Amino acid sequence: MGNRLSKIYTRTGDDGTTGLGDGSRIGKDSLRVEAYGTVDELNSLLGVLLATADDTPYRELLSDVQHNLFDLGGELCIPGHTVITATQVSWLEQQLDELNADLKPLKDFILPGGSVAAAHCHVARTVCRRAERLVVSLARTDTINPENIHYLNRLSDLLFVLARKLNQHAGVADRLWQHQRNS
């Protein structure tokens, strides 16, 4: 394990730079920092979801995802470091298949919302999509583990399905988009 933080402020970032895990310094407004910061934001939203959904049967799943996201953020913070593999992506696919197995097929789009937990899950899904877009942009200029993109892509799908499962668990129907409601 690396150095532990005993003093939280260092003043080294006062010039608008931050330290990466390899010791190099980079602008706080760089695409890399934006990408791993958005992964951190997503992880925090999953923490909010866990805090507001005490009775969810998906606590272990969400906790495992949080650990993987911390690893993914670490990868982005340490150029050349790899932790996320196809195994984690396959695990997400397996979880997706299991969660989706007993849900009614969708014939219409659904609106984000329903139960409080599902609404938080939908917000996390949209932040996951933003994180994915940022990592894709970063991959255009820097070498990035492609499994990071795959993981975020599958995770956003899983969060969509999980929102539906959270509504089902709460006994709340998905809110269907009424595309011709004003016609």
N, C-alpha and C. Protein backbone atom coordinates (compact mmCIF):
# COMPACT_ATOMS: atom_id res chain seq x y z
N MET A 1 0.85 -1.18 0.00
CA MET A 1 0.00 0.00 0.00
C MET A 1 0.88 1.23 0.00
N GLY A 2 0.51 2.22 -0.75
CA GLY A 2 1.28 3.46 -0.86
C GLY A 2 1.20 4.30 0.40
N ASN A 3 1.59 5.53 0.27
CA ASN A 3 1.56 6.45 1.39
C ASN A 3 0.13 6.72 1.83
N ARG A 4 -0.05 6.82 3.12
CA ARG A 4 -1.36 7.17 3.66
C ARG A 4 -1.39 8.68 3.87
N LEU A 5 -2.57 9.25 3.69
CA LEU A 5 -2.71 10.69 3.88
C LEU A 5 -2.90 10.98 5.36
N SER A 6 -1.96 11.67 5.95
CA SER A 6 -2.12 12.09 7.34
C SER A 6 -2.45 13.57 7.40
N LYS A 7 -2.06 14.30 6.38
CA LYS A 7 -2.38 15.71 6.27
C LYS A 7 -3.15 15.88 4.96
N ILE A 8 -4.35 16.37 5.04
CA ILE A 8 -5.22 16.42 3.86
C ILE A 8 -4.84 17.55 2.92
N TYR A 9 -4.46 18.68 3.41
CA TYR A 9 -4.08 19.76 2.50
C TYR A 9 -2.56 19.81 2.37
N THR A 10 -2.12 20.07 1.15
CA THR A 10 -0.68 20.10 0.87
C THR A 10 -0.25 21.43 0.24
N ARG A 11 -1.20 22.16 -0.29
CA ARG A 11 -0.97 23.43 -0.99
C ARG A 11 -0.29 23.23 -2.35
N THR A 12 0.04 21.99 -2.71
CA THR A 12 0.72 21.78 -3.99
C THR A 12 -0.22 22.00 -5.17
N GLY A 13 -1.52 21.96 -4.93
CA GLY A 13 -2.48 22.18 -6.01
C GLY A 13 -2.92 23.61 -6.16
N ASP A 14 -2.34 24.49 -5.38
CA ASP A 14 -2.74 25.89 -5.46
C ASP A 14 -2.40 26.54 -6.80
N ASP A 15 -1.52 25.90 -7.55
CA ASP A 15 -1.15 26.45 -8.86
C ASP A 15 -2.03 25.89 -9.99
N GLY A 16 -3.09 25.15 -9.63
CA GLY A 16 -3.99 24.62 -10.64
C GLY A 16 -3.58 23.26 -11.18
N THR A 17 -2.61 22.61 -10.53
CA THR A 17 -2.21 21.27 -10.96
C THR A 17 -2.53 20.29 -9.84
N THR A 18 -2.52 19.01 -10.21
CA THR A 18 -2.72 17.95 -9.23
C THR A 18 -1.73 16.83 -9.53
N GLY A 19 -1.42 16.05 -8.54
CA GLY A 19 -0.49 14.95 -8.72
C GLY A 19 -1.20 13.69 -9.16
N LEU A 20 -0.65 13.04 -10.16
CA LEU A 20 -1.15 11.73 -10.57
C LEU A 20 -0.48 10.66 -9.71
N GLY A 21 -1.00 9.47 -9.80
CA GLY A 21 -0.48 8.37 -9.01
C GLY A 21 0.95 7.98 -9.34
N ASP A 22 1.44 8.37 -10.49
CA ASP A 22 2.82 8.06 -10.86
C ASP A 22 3.79 9.17 -10.45
N GLY A 23 3.27 10.20 -9.76
CA GLY A 23 4.12 11.29 -9.30
C GLY A 23 4.16 12.50 -10.22
N SER A 24 3.68 12.35 -11.45
CA SER A 24 3.69 13.49 -12.38
C SER A 24 2.58 14.47 -11.99
N ARG A 25 2.68 15.68 -12.50
CA ARG A 25 1.69 16.71 -12.22
C ARG A 25 0.96 17.04 -13.53
N ILE A 26 -0.29 17.38 -13.38
CA ILE A 26 -1.15 17.64 -14.53
C ILE A 26 -2.16 18.71 -14.14
N GLY A 27 -2.66 19.44 -15.11
CA GLY A 27 -3.66 20.47 -14.84
C GLY A 27 -4.94 19.87 -14.28
N LYS A 28 -5.50 20.54 -13.30
CA LYS A 28 -6.75 20.06 -12.69
C LYS A 28 -7.91 20.07 -13.68
N ASP A 29 -7.75 20.81 -14.77
CA ASP A 29 -8.79 20.86 -15.78
C ASP A 29 -8.51 19.93 -16.96
N SER A 30 -7.55 19.03 -16.80
CA SER A 30 -7.22 18.11 -17.89
C SER A 30 -8.32 17.06 -18.07
N LEU A 31 -8.36 16.50 -19.25
CA LEU A 31 -9.35 15.47 -19.56
C LEU A 31 -9.18 14.25 -18.65
N ARG A 32 -7.95 13.90 -18.32
CA ARG A 32 -7.70 12.75 -17.45
C ARG A 32 -8.31 12.98 -16.06
N VAL A 33 -8.09 14.17 -15.52
CA VAL A 33 -8.63 14.48 -14.19
C VAL A 33 -10.16 14.54 -14.25
N GLU A 34 -10.68 15.10 -15.33
CA GLU A 34 -12.14 15.13 -15.51
C GLU A 34 -12.71 13.72 -15.56
N ALA A 35 -12.02 12.82 -16.25
CA ALA A 35 -12.49 11.43 -16.37
C ALA A 35 -12.49 10.73 -15.02
N TYR A 36 -11.36 10.76 -14.31
CA TYR A 36 -11.38 10.03 -13.03
C TYR A 36 -12.19 10.75 -11.98
N GLY A 37 -12.34 12.06 -12.10
CA GLY A 37 -13.22 12.79 -11.19
C GLY A 37 -14.68 12.41 -11.40
N THR A 38 -15.06 12.17 -12.63
CA THR A 38 -16.44 11.77 -12.93
C THR A 38 -16.68 10.33 -12.47
N VAL A 39 -15.69 9.47 -12.57
CA VAL A 39 -15.81 8.12 -12.02
C VAL A 39 -15.99 8.20 -10.50
N ASP A 40 -15.27 9.11 -9.85
CA ASP A 40 -15.43 9.32 -8.42
C ASP A 40 -16.83 9.84 -8.09
N GLU A 41 -17.34 10.76 -8.91
CA GLU A 41 -18.70 11.27 -8.73
C GLU A 41 -19.71 10.14 -8.83
N LEU A 42 -19.53 9.27 -9.81
CA LEU A 42 -20.41 8.11 -9.98
C LEU A 42 -20.36 7.22 -8.73
N ASN A 43 -19.16 6.97 -8.25
CA ASN A 43 -19.01 6.13 -7.06
C ASN A 43 -19.73 6.76 -5.87
N SER A 44 -19.64 8.07 -5.75
CA SER A 44 -20.33 8.78 -4.66
C SER A 44 -21.84 8.66 -4.80
N LEU A 45 -22.34 8.73 -6.03
CA LEU A 45 -23.78 8.57 -6.24
C LEU A 45 -24.25 7.16 -5.87
N LEU A 46 -23.41 6.17 -6.11
CA LEU A 46 -23.77 4.82 -5.68
C LEU A 46 -23.79 4.74 -4.15
N GLY A 47 -22.92 5.51 -3.50
CA GLY A 47 -22.96 5.60 -2.05
C GLY A 47 -24.27 6.21 -1.56
N VAL A 48 -24.74 7.24 -2.25
CA VAL A 48 -26.03 7.84 -1.91
C VAL A 48 -27.15 6.82 -2.11
N LEU A 49 -27.10 6.11 -3.21
CA LEU A 49 -28.09 5.07 -3.48
C LEU A 49 -28.11 4.04 -2.34
N LEU A 50 -26.95 3.57 -1.94
CA LEU A 50 -26.88 2.60 -0.84
C LEU A 50 -27.40 3.19 0.47
N ALA A 51 -27.13 4.46 0.70
CA ALA A 51 -27.58 5.10 1.94
C ALA A 51 -29.09 5.31 1.97
N THR A 52 -29.72 5.43 0.82
CA THR A 52 -31.16 5.68 0.78
C THR A 52 -31.97 4.42 0.51
N ALA A 53 -31.30 3.32 0.22
CA ALA A 53 -32.02 2.07 -0.09
C ALA A 53 -31.56 0.98 0.87
N ASP A 54 -31.86 1.20 2.15
CA ASP A 54 -31.41 0.27 3.18
C ASP A 54 -31.89 -1.17 2.96
N ASP A 55 -33.09 -1.32 2.39
CA ASP A 55 -33.67 -2.65 2.27
C ASP A 55 -33.40 -3.32 0.92
N THR A 56 -32.55 -2.72 0.11
CA THR A 56 -32.33 -3.29 -1.22
C THR A 56 -31.59 -4.63 -1.14
N PRO A 57 -32.03 -5.58 -1.93
CA PRO A 57 -31.29 -6.85 -1.99
C PRO A 57 -30.04 -6.76 -2.85
N TYR A 58 -29.72 -5.57 -3.33
CA TYR A 58 -28.61 -5.39 -4.27
C TYR A 58 -27.40 -4.70 -3.62
N ARG A 59 -27.34 -4.71 -2.30
CA ARG A 59 -26.26 -4.03 -1.58
C ARG A 59 -24.89 -4.60 -1.94
N GLU A 60 -24.77 -5.91 -1.97
CA GLU A 60 -23.49 -6.52 -2.27
C GLU A 60 -23.06 -6.21 -3.70
N LEU A 61 -23.99 -6.29 -4.63
CA LEU A 61 -23.71 -5.94 -6.03
C LEU A 61 -23.19 -4.51 -6.13
N LEU A 62 -23.90 -3.58 -5.50
CA LEU A 62 -23.49 -2.18 -5.56
C LEU A 62 -22.15 -1.94 -4.87
N SER A 63 -21.91 -2.64 -3.79
CA SER A 63 -20.62 -2.52 -3.10
C SER A 63 -19.49 -3.03 -3.98
N ASP A 64 -19.71 -4.16 -4.64
CA ASP A 64 -18.69 -4.68 -5.56
C ASP A 64 -18.42 -3.70 -6.69
N VAL A 65 -19.46 -3.09 -7.22
CA VAL A 65 -19.30 -2.09 -8.29
C VAL A 65 -18.50 -0.91 -7.76
N GLN A 66 -18.78 -0.47 -6.54
CA GLN A 66 -18.03 0.66 -5.99
C GLN A 66 -16.53 0.33 -5.91
N HIS A 67 -16.20 -0.87 -5.48
CA HIS A 67 -14.78 -1.26 -5.42
C HIS A 67 -14.16 -1.26 -6.81
N ASN A 68 -14.89 -1.78 -7.79
CA ASN A 68 -14.37 -1.78 -9.17
C ASN A 68 -14.20 -0.35 -9.70
N LEU A 69 -15.13 0.52 -9.36
CA LEU A 69 -15.01 1.91 -9.81
C LEU A 69 -13.81 2.60 -9.16
N PHE A 70 -13.54 2.26 -7.90
CA PHE A 70 -12.36 2.84 -7.26
C PHE A 70 -11.11 2.37 -7.99
N ASP A 71 -11.08 1.08 -8.36
CA ASP A 71 -9.95 0.56 -9.14
C ASP A 71 -9.84 1.25 -10.49
N LEU A 72 -10.98 1.45 -11.15
CA LEU A 72 -10.98 2.09 -12.47
C LEU A 72 -10.48 3.53 -12.35
N GLY A 73 -10.93 4.25 -11.34
CA GLY A 73 -10.44 5.61 -11.12
C GLY A 73 -8.94 5.63 -10.86
N GLY A 74 -8.47 4.63 -10.11
CA GLY A 74 -7.04 4.52 -9.85
C GLY A 74 -6.26 4.29 -11.13
N GLU A 75 -6.80 3.46 -12.01
CA GLU A 75 -6.16 3.24 -13.31
C GLU A 75 -6.01 4.55 -14.07
N LEU A 76 -7.08 5.33 -14.08
CA LEU A 76 -7.04 6.60 -14.81
C LEU A 76 -6.09 7.59 -14.17
N CYS A 77 -5.87 7.46 -12.87
CA CYS A 77 -4.98 8.36 -12.14
C CYS A 77 -3.50 7.94 -12.24
N ILE A 78 -3.27 6.69 -12.64
CA ILE A 78 -1.90 6.19 -12.77
C ILE A 78 -1.71 5.73 -14.21
N PRO A 79 -1.23 6.62 -15.08
CA PRO A 79 -1.07 6.24 -16.48
C PRO A 79 -0.26 4.95 -16.62
N GLY A 80 -0.77 4.03 -17.45
CA GLY A 80 -0.10 2.76 -17.69
C GLY A 80 -0.46 1.66 -16.73
N HIS A 81 -1.18 1.98 -15.65
CA HIS A 81 -1.58 1.00 -14.65
C HIS A 81 -2.86 0.31 -15.10
N THR A 82 -2.96 -1.01 -14.93
CA THR A 82 -4.15 -1.75 -15.35
C THR A 82 -4.65 -2.62 -14.21
N VAL A 83 -5.93 -2.49 -13.90
CA VAL A 83 -6.59 -3.32 -12.90
C VAL A 83 -7.85 -3.96 -13.48
N ILE A 84 -8.64 -3.17 -14.20
CA ILE A 84 -9.90 -3.65 -14.76
C ILE A 84 -9.59 -4.58 -15.94
N THR A 85 -10.21 -5.75 -15.92
CA THR A 85 -9.99 -6.75 -16.97
C THR A 85 -11.32 -7.18 -17.55
N ALA A 86 -11.25 -8.02 -18.56
CA ALA A 86 -12.45 -8.58 -19.17
C ALA A 86 -13.26 -9.38 -18.15
N THR A 87 -12.63 -9.86 -17.10
CA THR A 87 -13.34 -10.62 -16.06
C THR A 87 -14.39 -9.76 -15.38
N GLN A 88 -14.04 -8.50 -15.05
CA GLN A 88 -15.01 -7.61 -14.42
C GLN A 88 -16.13 -7.24 -15.39
N VAL A 89 -15.80 -7.11 -16.65
CA VAL A 89 -16.82 -6.80 -17.66
C VAL A 89 -17.77 -7.99 -17.80
N SER A 90 -17.23 -9.19 -17.85
CA SER A 90 -18.06 -10.40 -17.94
C SER A 90 -18.94 -10.55 -16.71
N TRP A 91 -18.40 -10.21 -15.56
CA TRP A 91 -19.18 -10.27 -14.31
C TRP A 91 -20.39 -9.33 -14.41
N LEU A 92 -20.16 -8.11 -14.94
CA LEU A 92 -21.29 -7.18 -15.12
C LEU A 92 -22.33 -7.76 -16.06
N GLU A 93 -21.88 -8.38 -17.14
CA GLU A 93 -22.82 -8.98 -18.10
C GLU A 93 -23.64 -10.07 -17.43
N GLN A 94 -23.00 -10.88 -16.60
CA GLN A 94 -23.72 -11.94 -15.87
C GLN A 94 -24.75 -11.33 -14.93
N GLN A 95 -24.37 -10.28 -14.22
CA GLN A 95 -25.31 -9.61 -13.31
C GLN A 95 -26.48 -9.03 -14.10
N LEU A 96 -26.18 -8.43 -15.24
CA LEU A 96 -27.23 -7.87 -16.10
C LEU A 96 -28.22 -8.93 -16.54
N ASP A 97 -27.70 -10.07 -17.01
CA ASP A 97 -28.56 -11.16 -17.46
C ASP A 97 -29.47 -11.65 -16.33
N GLU A 98 -28.91 -11.78 -15.14
CA GLU A 98 -29.70 -12.26 -14.00
C GLU A 98 -30.76 -11.24 -13.59
N LEU A 99 -30.40 -9.97 -13.55
CA LEU A 99 -31.36 -8.93 -13.14
C LEU A 99 -32.47 -8.77 -14.17
N ASN A 100 -32.14 -8.89 -15.43
CA ASN A 100 -33.11 -8.63 -16.50
C ASN A 100 -34.03 -9.83 -16.77
N ALA A 101 -33.67 -10.99 -16.25
CA ALA A 101 -34.37 -12.23 -16.60
C ALA A 101 -35.87 -12.18 -16.32
N ASP A 102 -36.29 -11.58 -15.21
CA ASP A 102 -37.71 -11.61 -14.87
C ASP A 102 -38.42 -10.27 -15.05
N LEU A 103 -37.75 -9.34 -15.71
CA LEU A 103 -38.40 -8.05 -15.99
C LEU A 103 -39.23 -8.15 -17.27
N LYS A 104 -40.34 -7.44 -17.29
CA LYS A 104 -41.16 -7.41 -18.50
C LYS A 104 -40.38 -6.71 -19.60
N PRO A 105 -40.43 -7.24 -20.83
CA PRO A 105 -39.76 -6.57 -21.94
C PRO A 105 -40.34 -5.17 -22.13
N LEU A 106 -39.48 -4.23 -22.47
CA LEU A 106 -39.93 -2.86 -22.69
C LEU A 106 -40.39 -2.68 -24.13
N LYS A 107 -41.54 -2.04 -24.28
CA LYS A 107 -42.03 -1.68 -25.60
C LYS A 107 -41.95 -0.18 -25.81
N ASP A 108 -41.73 0.55 -24.72
CA ASP A 108 -41.63 2.00 -24.75
C ASP A 108 -40.42 2.41 -23.92
N PHE A 109 -39.98 3.64 -24.11
CA PHE A 109 -38.94 4.19 -23.26
C PHE A 109 -39.53 4.45 -21.89
N ILE A 110 -38.69 4.42 -20.87
CA ILE A 110 -39.17 4.78 -19.54
C ILE A 110 -38.53 6.09 -19.11
N LEU A 111 -39.26 6.81 -18.29
CA LEU A 111 -38.76 8.06 -17.72
C LEU A 111 -38.01 7.74 -16.44
N PRO A 112 -36.92 8.44 -16.17
CA PRO A 112 -36.22 8.23 -14.91
C PRO A 112 -37.15 8.54 -13.74
N GLY A 113 -37.07 7.73 -12.72
CA GLY A 113 -37.88 7.97 -11.53
C GLY A 113 -38.52 6.71 -11.01
N GLY A 114 -39.66 6.90 -10.38
CA GLY A 114 -40.32 5.80 -9.69
C GLY A 114 -40.02 5.93 -8.21
N SER A 115 -39.40 4.92 -7.65
CA SER A 115 -39.01 4.98 -6.24
C SER A 115 -37.80 5.90 -6.08
N VAL A 116 -37.54 6.32 -4.84
CA VAL A 116 -36.38 7.16 -4.56
C VAL A 116 -35.10 6.44 -4.97
N ALA A 117 -35.00 5.15 -4.63
CA ALA A 117 -33.79 4.39 -4.97
C ALA A 117 -33.62 4.31 -6.49
N ALA A 118 -34.69 4.05 -7.21
CA ALA A 118 -34.59 3.96 -8.68
C ALA A 118 -34.20 5.32 -9.27
N ALA A 119 -34.73 6.40 -8.72
CA ALA A 119 -34.37 7.73 -9.21
C ALA A 119 -32.88 7.98 -9.01
N HIS A 120 -32.34 7.63 -7.84
CA HIS A 120 -30.90 7.77 -7.60
C HIS A 120 -30.10 6.90 -8.58
N CYS A 121 -30.61 5.72 -8.86
CA CYS A 121 -29.93 4.81 -9.79
C CYS A 121 -29.91 5.41 -11.20
N HIS A 122 -30.99 6.05 -11.60
CA HIS A 122 -31.02 6.70 -12.92
C HIS A 122 -30.03 7.85 -12.99
N VAL A 123 -29.89 8.63 -11.92
CA VAL A 123 -28.90 9.71 -11.90
C VAL A 123 -27.51 9.10 -12.04
N ALA A 124 -27.24 8.02 -11.31
CA ALA A 124 -25.95 7.35 -11.40
C ALA A 124 -25.71 6.85 -12.83
N ARG A 125 -26.75 6.35 -13.48
CA ARG A 125 -26.63 5.87 -14.86
C ARG A 125 -26.20 6.99 -15.79
N THR A 126 -26.78 8.18 -15.62
CA THR A 126 -26.42 9.28 -16.52
C THR A 126 -25.00 9.77 -16.27
N VAL A 127 -24.57 9.75 -15.02
CA VAL A 127 -23.18 10.13 -14.71
C VAL A 127 -22.23 9.07 -15.25
N CYS A 128 -22.65 7.81 -15.20
CA CYS A 128 -21.83 6.73 -15.77
C CYS A 128 -21.64 6.95 -17.27
N ARG A 129 -22.69 7.34 -17.97
CA ARG A 129 -22.58 7.62 -19.40
C ARG A 129 -21.62 8.79 -19.66
N ARG A 130 -21.66 9.80 -18.79
CA ARG A 130 -20.74 10.93 -18.95
C ARG A 130 -19.31 10.47 -18.71
N ALA A 131 -19.10 9.65 -17.69
CA ALA A 131 -17.76 9.11 -17.43
C ALA A 131 -17.27 8.32 -18.63
N GLU A 132 -18.14 7.53 -19.21
CA GLU A 132 -17.77 6.75 -20.40
C GLU A 132 -17.36 7.67 -21.55
N ARG A 133 -18.13 8.72 -21.78
CA ARG A 133 -17.79 9.65 -22.87
C ARG A 133 -16.43 10.31 -22.63
N LEU A 134 -16.16 10.66 -21.38
CA LEU A 134 -14.88 11.29 -21.06
C LEU A 134 -13.71 10.32 -21.25
N VAL A 135 -13.90 9.07 -20.85
CA VAL A 135 -12.83 8.09 -21.03
C VAL A 135 -12.61 7.80 -22.51
N VAL A 136 -13.68 7.77 -23.30
CA VAL A 136 -13.55 7.61 -24.75
C VAL A 136 -12.75 8.78 -25.32
N SER A 137 -13.07 10.00 -24.90
CA SER A 137 -12.31 11.18 -25.37
C SER A 137 -10.85 11.08 -24.96
N LEU A 138 -10.60 10.67 -23.72
CA LEU A 138 -9.23 10.53 -23.24
C LEU A 138 -8.47 9.49 -24.05
N ALA A 139 -9.15 8.42 -24.43
CA ALA A 139 -8.50 7.36 -25.21
C ALA A 139 -8.08 7.82 -26.60
N ARG A 140 -8.64 8.92 -27.07
CA ARG A 140 -8.25 9.45 -28.38
C ARG A 140 -6.86 10.11 -28.33
N THR A 141 -6.43 10.52 -27.13
CA THR A 141 -5.15 11.22 -27.01
C THR A 141 -4.14 10.48 -26.14
N ASP A 142 -4.59 9.61 -25.25
CA ASP A 142 -3.71 8.88 -24.34
C ASP A 142 -4.01 7.39 -24.42
N THR A 143 -3.05 6.61 -24.01
CA THR A 143 -3.26 5.17 -23.97
C THR A 143 -4.09 4.83 -22.74
N ILE A 144 -5.24 4.22 -22.97
CA ILE A 144 -6.18 3.85 -21.91
C ILE A 144 -6.52 2.38 -22.06
N ASN A 145 -6.62 1.69 -20.95
CA ASN A 145 -7.07 0.31 -20.95
C ASN A 145 -8.48 0.26 -21.57
N PRO A 146 -8.68 -0.43 -22.69
CA PRO A 146 -10.00 -0.45 -23.32
C PRO A 146 -11.08 -1.08 -22.44
N GLU A 147 -10.67 -1.90 -21.48
CA GLU A 147 -11.66 -2.52 -20.59
C GLU A 147 -12.36 -1.47 -19.73
N ASN A 148 -11.72 -0.31 -19.52
CA ASN A 148 -12.38 0.76 -18.77
C ASN A 148 -13.64 1.23 -19.50
N ILE A 149 -13.53 1.39 -20.81
CA ILE A 149 -14.67 1.81 -21.61
C ILE A 149 -15.74 0.72 -21.61
N HIS A 150 -15.31 -0.52 -21.79
CA HIS A 150 -16.26 -1.64 -21.79
C HIS A 150 -16.99 -1.72 -20.45
N TYR A 151 -16.23 -1.56 -19.35
CA TYR A 151 -16.83 -1.65 -18.02
C TYR A 151 -17.88 -0.55 -17.83
N LEU A 152 -17.55 0.67 -18.17
CA LEU A 152 -18.50 1.76 -17.99
C LEU A 152 -19.72 1.60 -18.89
N ASN A 153 -19.53 1.09 -20.09
CA ASN A 153 -20.65 0.85 -21.00
C ASN A 153 -21.60 -0.18 -20.40
N ARG A 154 -21.07 -1.31 -19.92
CA ARG A 154 -21.92 -2.33 -19.31
C ARG A 154 -22.55 -1.84 -18.02
N LEU A 155 -21.78 -1.05 -17.26
CA LEU A 155 -22.31 -0.56 -15.99
C LEU A 155 -23.51 0.35 -16.20
N SER A 156 -23.47 1.20 -17.20
CA SER A 156 -24.63 2.07 -17.45
C SER A 156 -25.85 1.23 -17.80
N ASP A 157 -25.66 0.16 -18.55
CA ASP A 157 -26.77 -0.75 -18.85
C ASP A 157 -27.27 -1.42 -17.57
N LEU A 158 -26.34 -1.85 -16.74
CA LEU A 158 -26.72 -2.50 -15.49
C LEU A 158 -27.50 -1.53 -14.60
N LEU A 159 -27.08 -0.27 -14.54
CA LEU A 159 -27.78 0.70 -13.71
C LEU A 159 -29.19 0.96 -14.22
N PHE A 160 -29.39 0.92 -15.54
CA PHE A 160 -30.74 1.05 -16.09
C PHE A 160 -31.61 -0.11 -15.64
N VAL A 161 -31.11 -1.32 -15.79
CA VAL A 161 -31.87 -2.51 -15.39
C VAL A 161 -32.06 -2.52 -13.88
N LEU A 162 -31.04 -2.13 -13.14
CA LEU A 162 -31.15 -2.11 -11.68
C LEU A 162 -32.21 -1.10 -11.23
N ALA A 163 -32.33 0.03 -11.91
CA ALA A 163 -33.38 1.00 -11.57
C ALA A 163 -34.75 0.35 -11.73
N ARG A 164 -34.91 -0.41 -12.78
CA ARG A 164 -36.19 -1.13 -12.98
C ARG A 164 -36.41 -2.16 -11.88
N LYS A 165 -35.35 -2.86 -11.48
CA LYS A 165 -35.46 -3.85 -10.40
C LYS A 165 -35.78 -3.17 -9.06
N LEU A 166 -35.18 -2.00 -8.83
CA LEU A 166 -35.46 -1.28 -7.58
C LEU A 166 -36.92 -0.83 -7.54
N ASN A 167 -37.46 -0.40 -8.68
CA ASN A 167 -38.89 -0.07 -8.73
C ASN A 167 -39.73 -1.31 -8.47
N GLN A 168 -39.36 -2.41 -9.09
CA GLN A 168 -40.09 -3.66 -8.90
C GLN A 168 -40.06 -4.06 -7.42
N HIS A 169 -38.90 -3.97 -6.79
CA HIS A 169 -38.74 -4.31 -5.38
C HIS A 169 -39.61 -3.42 -4.49
N ALA A 170 -39.74 -2.14 -4.88
CA ALA A 170 -40.54 -1.19 -4.10
C ALA A 170 -42.03 -1.25 -4.44
N GLY A 171 -42.40 -2.06 -5.44
CA GLY A 171 -43.79 -2.15 -5.86
C GLY A 171 -44.25 -0.93 -6.63
N VAL A 172 -43.30 -0.26 -7.30
CA VAL A 172 -43.60 0.96 -8.06
C VAL A 172 -43.42 0.64 -9.55
N ALA A 173 -44.39 1.03 -10.35
CA ALA A 173 -44.31 0.77 -11.78
C ALA A 173 -43.31 1.72 -12.43
N ASP A 174 -42.65 1.23 -13.47
CA ASP A 174 -41.82 2.11 -14.30
C ASP A 174 -42.72 3.17 -14.92
N ARG A 175 -42.20 4.37 -15.07
CA ARG A 175 -42.94 5.46 -15.68
C ARG A 175 -42.65 5.44 -17.18
N LEU A 176 -43.64 5.10 -17.97
CA LEU A 176 -43.46 5.00 -19.41
C LEU A 176 -43.58 6.37 -20.07
N TRP A 177 -42.71 6.60 -21.05
CA TRP A 177 -42.76 7.82 -21.83
C TRP A 177 -43.98 7.78 -22.73
N GLN A 178 -44.77 8.83 -22.70
CA GLN A 178 -45.96 8.93 -23.53
C GLN A 178 -45.65 9.87 -24.68
N HIS A 179 -45.13 9.28 -25.75
CA HIS A 179 -44.61 10.09 -26.85
C HIS A 179 -45.69 10.86 -27.62
N GLN A 180 -46.93 10.50 -27.53
CA GLN A 180 -47.98 11.22 -28.26
C GLN A 180 -49.02 11.78 -27.31
N ARG A 181 -48.60 12.13 -26.10
CA ARG A 181 -49.55 12.59 -25.08
C ARG A 181 -50.19 13.93 -25.43
N ASN A 182 -49.53 14.76 -26.24
CA ASN A 182 -50.05 16.09 -26.59
C ASN A 182 -50.64 16.13 -28.00
N SER A 183 -50.78 15.00 -28.63
CA SER A 183 -51.28 14.98 -30.02
C SER A 183 -52.78 15.03 -30.07
